[in-house]
Amino acid sequence: MRCRDPQGYADAAHQYVAMGYRYIAPGGLVRSPTKEILRVLEAVHQVVPEHVDMHLFGLARLGALGDFARLGCGR
């Protein structure tokens, strides 16, 4: 699925969870500004249950690591 905005990422995440995935990794965010990444994660966090783990590829944004963890990444 190609996601273009936070709601698109949330819709895709919801579909993957509905299919039974317990580990998801939103992609295509590496070149995005940190604020946009956080908007995406906020939207995804709303639809992904606690038992689903999330990974971010190549996003070592030191100033945002706390936010990433709060939004369910890297549990």
PDB file of N, CA and C in Angstrom:
ATOM      1  N   MET A   1       0.828  -1.187   0.000  1.00  0.00           N
ATOM      2  CA  MET A   1       0.000   0.000   0.000  1.00  0.00           C
ATOM      3  C   MET A   1       0.867   1.244   0.000  1.00  0.00           C
ATOM      4  N   ARG A   2       0.458   2.208  -0.756  1.00  0.00           N
ATOM      5  CA  ARG A   2       1.199   3.475  -0.802  1.00  0.00           C
ATOM      6  C   ARG A   2       0.476   4.483   0.080  1.00  0.00           C
ATOM      7  N   CYS A   3       1.173   5.009   1.057  1.00  0.00           N
ATOM      8  CA  CYS A   3       0.583   5.969   1.995  1.00  0.00           C
ATOM      9  C   CYS A   3       1.125   7.354   1.684  1.00  0.00           C
ATOM     10  N   ARG A   4       0.246   8.309   1.676  1.00  0.00           N
ATOM     11  CA  ARG A   4       0.662   9.666   1.337  1.00  0.00           C
ATOM     12  C   ARG A   4       0.432  10.669   2.461  1.00  0.00           C
ATOM     13  N   ASP A   5      -0.317  10.284   3.464  1.00  0.00           N
ATOM     14  CA  ASP A   5      -0.600  11.203   4.558  1.00  0.00           C
ATOM     15  C   ASP A   5      -0.844  10.398   5.837  1.00  0.00           C
ATOM     16  N   PRO A   6      -0.914  11.070   6.990  1.00  0.00           N
ATOM     17  CA  PRO A   6      -1.108  10.332   8.246  1.00  0.00           C
ATOM     18  C   PRO A   6      -2.324   9.409   8.236  1.00  0.00           C
ATOM     19  N   GLN A   7      -3.439   9.866   7.684  1.00  0.00           N
ATOM     20  CA  GLN A   7      -4.635   9.019   7.659  1.00  0.00           C
ATOM     21  C   GLN A   7      -4.426   7.800   6.770  1.00  0.00           C
ATOM     22  N   GLY A   8      -3.697   7.958   5.687  1.00  0.00           N
ATOM     23  CA  GLY A   8      -3.394   6.813   4.824  1.00  0.00           C
ATOM     24  C   GLY A   8      -2.564   5.771   5.553  1.00  0.00           C
ATOM     25  N   TYR A   9      -1.582   6.220   6.329  1.00  0.00           N
ATOM     26  CA  TYR A   9      -0.777   5.293   7.132  1.00  0.00           C
ATOM     27  C   TYR A   9      -1.646   4.602   8.170  1.00  0.00           C
ATOM     28  N   ALA A  10      -2.536   5.359   8.812  1.00  0.00           N
ATOM     29  CA  ALA A  10      -3.420   4.774   9.828  1.00  0.00           C
ATOM     30  C   ALA A  10      -4.354   3.749   9.203  1.00  0.00           C
ATOM     31  N   ASP A  11      -4.900   4.064   8.031  1.00  0.00           N
ATOM     32  CA  ASP A  11      -5.792   3.118   7.353  1.00  0.00           C
ATOM     33  C   ASP A  11      -5.054   1.829   7.015  1.00  0.00           C
ATOM     34  N   ALA A  12      -3.832   1.960   6.491  1.00  0.00           N
ATOM     35  CA  ALA A  12      -3.034   0.786   6.146  1.00  0.00           C
ATOM     36  C   ALA A  12      -2.707  -0.029   7.390  1.00  0.00           C
ATOM     37  N   ALA A  13      -2.311   0.633   8.470  1.00  0.00           N
ATOM     38  CA  ALA A  13      -1.993  -0.068   9.716  1.00  0.00           C
ATOM     39  C   ALA A  13      -3.209  -0.822  10.234  1.00  0.00           C
ATOM     40  N   HIS A  14      -4.366  -0.176  10.181  1.00  0.00           N
ATOM     41  CA  HIS A  14      -5.603  -0.818  10.629  1.00  0.00           C
ATOM     42  C   HIS A  14      -5.879  -2.082   9.814  1.00  0.00           C
ATOM     43  N   GLN A  15      -5.667  -2.010   8.515  1.00  0.00           N
ATOM     44  CA  GLN A  15      -5.889  -3.178   7.650  1.00  0.00           C
ATOM     45  C   GLN A  15      -4.915  -4.306   7.984  1.00  0.00           C
ATOM     46  N   TYR A  16      -3.651  -3.956   8.211  1.00  0.00           N
ATOM     47  CA  TYR A  16      -2.669  -4.988   8.553  1.00  0.00           C
ATOM     48  C   TYR A  16      -3.007  -5.654   9.883  1.00  0.00           C
ATOM     49  N   VAL A  17      -3.418  -4.873  10.856  1.00  0.00           N
ATOM     50  CA  VAL A  17      -3.797  -5.436  12.157  1.00  0.00           C
ATOM     51  C   VAL A  17      -5.018  -6.343  11.988  1.00  0.00           C
ATOM     52  N   ALA A  18      -5.969  -5.908  11.165  1.00  0.00           N
ATOM     53  CA  ALA A  18      -7.164  -6.723  10.916  1.00  0.00           C
ATOM     54  C   ALA A  18      -6.810  -8.049  10.240  1.00  0.00           C
ATOM     55  N   MET A  19      -5.724  -8.073   9.474  1.00  0.00           N
ATOM     56  CA  MET A  19      -5.267  -9.305   8.822  1.00  0.00           C
ATOM     57  C   MET A  19      -4.490 -10.203   9.779  1.00  0.00           C
ATOM     58  N   GLY A  20      -4.211  -9.696  10.981  1.00  0.00           N
ATOM     59  CA  GLY A  20      -3.538 -10.518  11.978  1.00  0.00           C
ATOM     60  C   GLY A  20      -2.069 -10.211  12.195  1.00  0.00           C
ATOM     61  N   TYR A  21      -1.564  -9.197  11.533  1.00  0.00           N
ATOM     62  CA  TYR A  21      -0.157  -8.848  11.744  1.00  0.00           C
ATOM     63  C   TYR A  21       0.038  -8.342  13.165  1.00  0.00           C
ATOM     64  N   ARG A  22       1.140  -8.783  13.788  1.00  0.00           N
ATOM     65  CA  ARG A  22       1.469  -8.351  15.149  1.00  0.00           C
ATOM     66  C   ARG A  22       2.736  -7.508  15.182  1.00  0.00           C
ATOM     67  N   TYR A  23       3.285  -7.248  14.016  1.00  0.00           N
ATOM     68  CA  TYR A  23       4.505  -6.442  13.898  1.00  0.00           C
ATOM     69  C   TYR A  23       4.409  -5.682  12.584  1.00  0.00           C
ATOM     70  N   ILE A  24       4.412  -4.364  12.649  1.00  0.00           N
ATOM     71  CA  ILE A  24       4.319  -3.562  11.441  1.00  0.00           C
ATOM     72  C   ILE A  24       5.454  -2.540  11.423  1.00  0.00           C
ATOM     73  N   ALA A  25       5.763  -2.062  10.232  1.00  0.00           N
ATOM     74  CA  ALA A  25       6.852  -1.102  10.070  1.00  0.00           C
ATOM     75  C   ALA A  25       6.459  -0.093   8.998  1.00  0.00           C
ATOM     76  N   PRO A  26       5.924   1.066   9.408  1.00  0.00           N
ATOM     77  CA  PRO A  26       5.580   2.085   8.418  1.00  0.00           C
ATOM     78  C   PRO A  26       6.834   2.509   7.654  1.00  0.00           C
ATOM     79  N   GLY A  27       6.765   2.473   6.358  1.00  0.00           N
ATOM     80  CA  GLY A  27       7.935   2.796   5.547  1.00  0.00           C
ATOM     81  C   GLY A  27       7.787   4.121   4.814  1.00  0.00           C
ATOM     82  N   GLY A  28       8.859   4.506   4.156  1.00  0.00           N
ATOM     83  CA  GLY A  28       8.840   5.710   3.338  1.00  0.00           C
ATOM     84  C   GLY A  28       8.932   7.011   4.104  1.00  0.00           C
ATOM     85  N   LEU A  29       9.368   6.955   5.353  1.00  0.00           N
ATOM     86  CA  LEU A  29       9.391   8.166   6.183  1.00  0.00           C
ATOM     87  C   LEU A  29      10.783   8.771   6.355  1.00  0.00           C
ATOM     88  N   VAL A  30      11.807   8.115   5.885  1.00  0.00           N
ATOM     89  CA  VAL A  30      13.183   8.534   6.151  1.00  0.00           C
ATOM     90  C   VAL A  30      13.459   9.984   5.759  1.00  0.00           C
ATOM     91  N   ARG A  31      12.928  10.424   4.665  1.00  0.00           N
ATOM     92  CA  ARG A  31      13.199  11.792   4.195  1.00  0.00           C
ATOM     93  C   ARG A  31      12.194  12.817   4.715  1.00  0.00           C
ATOM     94  N   SER A  32      11.246  12.365   5.486  1.00  0.00           N
ATOM     95  CA  SER A  32      10.217  13.269   6.014  1.00  0.00           C
ATOM     96  C   SER A  32      10.737  14.051   7.206  1.00  0.00           C
ATOM     97  N   PRO A  33      10.243  15.278   7.375  1.00  0.00           N
ATOM     98  CA  PRO A  33      10.599  16.037   8.575  1.00  0.00           C
ATOM     99  C   PRO A  33      10.056  15.341   9.824  1.00  0.00           C
ATOM    100  N   THR A  34      10.741  15.518  10.924  1.00  0.00           N
ATOM    101  CA  THR A  34      10.356  14.858  12.173  1.00  0.00           C
ATOM    102  C   THR A  34       8.907  15.166  12.549  1.00  0.00           C
ATOM    103  N   LYS A  35       8.460  16.397  12.361  1.00  0.00           N
ATOM    104  CA  LYS A  35       7.068  16.747  12.708  1.00  0.00           C
ATOM    105  C   LYS A  35       6.075  15.923  11.900  1.00  0.00           C
ATOM    106  N   GLU A  36       6.369  15.684  10.631  1.00  0.00           N
ATOM    107  CA  GLU A  36       5.476  14.870   9.800  1.00  0.00           C
ATOM    108  C   GLU A  36       5.496  13.414  10.256  1.00  0.00           C
ATOM    109  N   ILE A  37       6.664  12.913  10.599  1.00  0.00           N
ATOM    110  CA  ILE A  37       6.769  11.540  11.111  1.00  0.00           C
ATOM    111  C   ILE A  37       5.927  11.389  12.371  1.00  0.00           C
ATOM    112  N   LEU A  38       6.006  12.359  13.251  1.00  0.00           N
ATOM    113  CA  LEU A  38       5.221  12.291  14.491  1.00  0.00           C
ATOM    114  C   LEU A  38       3.724  12.361  14.210  1.00  0.00           C
ATOM    115  N   ARG A  39       3.313  13.132  13.212  1.00  0.00           N
ATOM    116  CA  ARG A  39       1.885  13.166  12.852  1.00  0.00           C
ATOM    117  C   ARG A  39       1.434  11.794  12.352  1.00  0.00           C
ATOM    118  N   VAL A  40       2.274  11.161  11.550  1.00  0.00           N
ATOM    119  CA  VAL A  40       1.954   9.818  11.055  1.00  0.00           C
ATOM    120  C   VAL A  40       1.848   8.843  12.226  1.00  0.00           C
ATOM    121  N   LEU A  41       2.818   8.872  13.117  1.00  0.00           N
ATOM    122  CA  LEU A  41       2.811   7.942  14.251  1.00  0.00           C
ATOM    123  C   LEU A  41       1.633   8.180  15.183  1.00  0.00           C
ATOM    124  N   GLU A  42       1.247   9.431  15.376  1.00  0.00           N
ATOM    125  CA  GLU A  42       0.063   9.740  16.201  1.00  0.00           C
ATOM    126  C   GLU A  42      -1.166   9.087  15.591  1.00  0.00           C
ATOM    127  N   ALA A  43      -1.328   9.202  14.277  1.00  0.00           N
ATOM    128  CA  ALA A  43      -2.493   8.630  13.603  1.00  0.00           C
ATOM    129  C   ALA A  43      -2.464   7.105  13.683  1.00  0.00           C
ATOM    130  N   VAL A  44      -1.313   6.514  13.451  1.00  0.00           N
ATOM    131  CA  VAL A  44      -1.181   5.052  13.496  1.00  0.00           C
ATOM    132  C   VAL A  44      -1.411   4.546  14.917  1.00  0.00           C
ATOM    133  N   HIS A  45      -0.870   5.249  15.881  1.00  0.00           N
ATOM    134  CA  HIS A  45      -1.004   4.851  17.287  1.00  0.00           C
ATOM    135  C   HIS A  45      -2.479   4.754  17.706  1.00  0.00           C
ATOM    136  N   GLN A  46      -3.322   5.560  17.105  1.00  0.00           N
ATOM    137  CA  GLN A  46      -4.751   5.552  17.441  1.00  0.00           C
ATOM    138  C   GLN A  46      -5.446   4.262  17.010  1.00  0.00           C
ATOM    139  N   VAL A  47      -4.902   3.571  16.002  1.00  0.00           N
ATOM    140  CA  VAL A  47      -5.588   2.384  15.469  1.00  0.00           C
ATOM    141  C   VAL A  47      -4.851   1.072  15.737  1.00  0.00           C
ATOM    142  N   VAL A  48      -3.645   1.152  16.271  1.00  0.00           N
ATOM    143  CA  VAL A  48      -2.847  -0.058  16.505  1.00  0.00           C
ATOM    144  C   VAL A  48      -2.933  -0.437  17.980  1.00  0.00           C
ATOM    145  N   PRO A  49      -3.415  -1.647  18.278  1.00  0.00           N
ATOM    146  CA  PRO A  49      -3.504  -2.070  19.680  1.00  0.00           C
ATOM    147  C   PRO A  49      -2.120  -2.251  20.311  1.00  0.00           C
ATOM    148  N   GLU A  50      -2.096  -2.268  21.634  1.00  0.00           N
ATOM    149  CA  GLU A  50      -0.844  -2.379  22.398  1.00  0.00           C
ATOM    150  C   GLU A  50      -0.045  -3.636  22.071  1.00  0.00           C
ATOM    151  N   HIS A  51      -0.711  -4.720  21.695  1.00  0.00           N
ATOM    152  CA  HIS A  51       0.001  -5.975  21.447  1.00  0.00           C
ATOM    153  C   HIS A  51       0.734  -5.992  20.103  1.00  0.00           C
ATOM    154  N   VAL A  52       0.548  -4.980  19.282  1.00  0.00           N
ATOM    155  CA  VAL A  52       1.224  -4.910  17.982  1.00  0.00           C
ATOM    156  C   VAL A  52       2.477  -4.053  18.136  1.00  0.00           C
ATOM    157  N   ASP A  53       3.615  -4.607  17.761  1.00  0.00           N
ATOM    158  CA  ASP A  53       4.882  -3.880  17.820  1.00  0.00           C
ATOM    159  C   ASP A  53       5.097  -3.127  16.515  1.00  0.00           C
ATOM    160  N   MET A  54       5.823  -2.011  16.611  1.00  0.00           N
ATOM    161  CA  MET A  54       6.089  -1.182  15.456  1.00  0.00           C
ATOM    162  C   MET A  54       7.574  -0.866  15.369  1.00  0.00           C
ATOM    163  N   HIS A  55       8.091  -0.843  14.153  1.00  0.00           N
ATOM    164  CA  HIS A  55       9.496  -0.530  13.900  1.00  0.00           C
ATOM    165  C   HIS A  55       9.576   0.604  12.886  1.00  0.00           C
ATOM    166  N   LEU A  56      10.567   1.461  13.048  1.00  0.00           N
ATOM    167  CA  LEU A  56      10.822   2.539  12.088  1.00  0.00           C
ATOM    168  C   LEU A  56      12.169   2.293  11.430  1.00  0.00           C
ATOM    169  N   PHE A  57      12.190   2.239  10.124  1.00  0.00           N
ATOM    170  CA  PHE A  57      13.422   1.984   9.377  1.00  0.00           C
ATOM    171  C   PHE A  57      14.256   3.254   9.261  1.00  0.00           C
ATOM    172  N   GLY A  58      15.474   3.234   9.802  1.00  0.00           N
ATOM    173  CA  GLY A  58      16.432   4.310   9.599  1.00  0.00           C
ATOM    174  C   GLY A  58      16.067   5.651  10.184  1.00  0.00           C
ATOM    175  N   LEU A  59      15.263   5.681  11.215  1.00  0.00           N
ATOM    176  CA  LEU A  59      14.821   6.957  11.785  1.00  0.00           C
ATOM    177  C   LEU A  59      15.415   7.180  13.170  1.00  0.00           C
ATOM    178  N   ALA A  60      16.703   7.346  13.234  1.00  0.00           N
ATOM    179  CA  ALA A  60      17.380   7.616  14.503  1.00  0.00           C
ATOM    180  C   ALA A  60      17.399   9.122  14.744  1.00  0.00           C
ATOM    181  N   ARG A  61      16.253   9.674  15.020  1.00  0.00           N
ATOM    182  CA  ARG A  61      16.130  11.097  15.328  1.00  0.00           C
ATOM    183  C   ARG A  61      16.229  11.229  16.847  1.00  0.00           C
ATOM    184  N   LEU A  62      17.413  11.540  17.335  1.00  0.00           N
ATOM    185  CA  LEU A  62      17.658  11.521  18.778  1.00  0.00           C
ATOM    186  C   LEU A  62      16.662  12.355  19.560  1.00  0.00           C
ATOM    187  N   GLY A  63      16.309  13.512  19.054  1.00  0.00           N
ATOM    188  CA  GLY A  63      15.373  14.376  19.759  1.00  0.00           C
ATOM    189  C   GLY A  63      13.956  13.834  19.805  1.00  0.00           C
ATOM    190  N   ALA A  64      13.658  12.848  18.974  1.00  0.00           N
ATOM    191  CA  ALA A  64      12.300  12.319  18.907  1.00  0.00           C
ATOM    192  C   ALA A  64      12.187  10.895  19.459  1.00  0.00           C
ATOM    193  N   LEU A  65      13.279  10.325  19.951  1.00  0.00           N
ATOM    194  CA  LEU A  65      13.240   8.938  20.415  1.00  0.00           C
ATOM    195  C   LEU A  65      12.201   8.716  21.515  1.00  0.00           C
ATOM    196  N   GLY A  66      12.074   9.667  22.421  1.00  0.00           N
ATOM    197  CA  GLY A  66      11.064   9.549  23.476  1.00  0.00           C
ATOM    198  C   GLY A  66       9.656   9.519  22.900  1.00  0.00           C
ATOM    199  N   ASP A  67       9.404  10.376  21.906  1.00  0.00           N
ATOM    200  CA  ASP A  67       8.107  10.387  21.249  1.00  0.00           C
ATOM    201  C   ASP A  67       7.865   9.085  20.492  1.00  0.00           C
ATOM    202  N   PHE A  68       8.883   8.592  19.804  1.00  0.00           N
ATOM    203  CA  PHE A  68       8.752   7.327  19.086  1.00  0.00           C
ATOM    204  C   PHE A  68       8.345   6.222  20.054  1.00  0.00           C
ATOM    205  N   ALA A  69       9.004   6.144  21.192  1.00  0.00           N
ATOM    206  CA  ALA A  69       8.695   5.112  22.190  1.00  0.00           C
ATOM    207  C   ALA A  69       7.285   5.282  22.736  1.00  0.00           C
ATOM    208  N   ARG A  70       6.899   6.514  23.021  1.00  0.00           N
ATOM    209  CA  ARG A  70       5.557   6.797  23.539  1.00  0.00           C
ATOM    210  C   ARG A  70       4.482   6.375  22.550  1.00  0.00           C
ATOM    211  N   LEU A  71       4.802   6.444  21.261  1.00  0.00           N
ATOM    212  CA  LEU A  71       3.833   6.116  20.220  1.00  0.00           C
ATOM    213  C   LEU A  71       3.935   4.661  19.749  1.00  0.00           C
ATOM    214  N   GLY A  72       4.645   3.825  20.522  1.00  0.00           N
ATOM    215  CA  GLY A  72       4.620   2.386  20.289  1.00  0.00           C
ATOM    216  C   GLY A  72       5.737   1.819  19.442  1.00  0.00           C
ATOM    217  N   CYS A  73       6.757   2.597  19.157  1.00  0.00           N
ATOM    218  CA  CYS A  73       7.870   2.095  18.338  1.00  0.00           C
ATOM    219  C   CYS A  73       8.984   1.589  19.238  1.00  0.00           C
ATOM    220  N   GLY A  74       9.514   0.437  18.889  1.00  0.00           N
ATOM    221  CA  GLY A  74      10.663  -0.089  19.618  1.00  0.00           C
ATOM    222  C   GLY A  74      10.370  -0.658  20.984  1.00  0.00           C
ATOM    223  N   ARG A  75       9.181  -1.201  21.158  1.00  0.00           N
ATOM    224  CA  ARG A  75       8.852  -1.813  22.450  1.00  0.00           C
ATOM    225  C   ARG A  75       9.614  -3.070  22.655  1.00  0.00           C
TER     226      ARG A  75
END
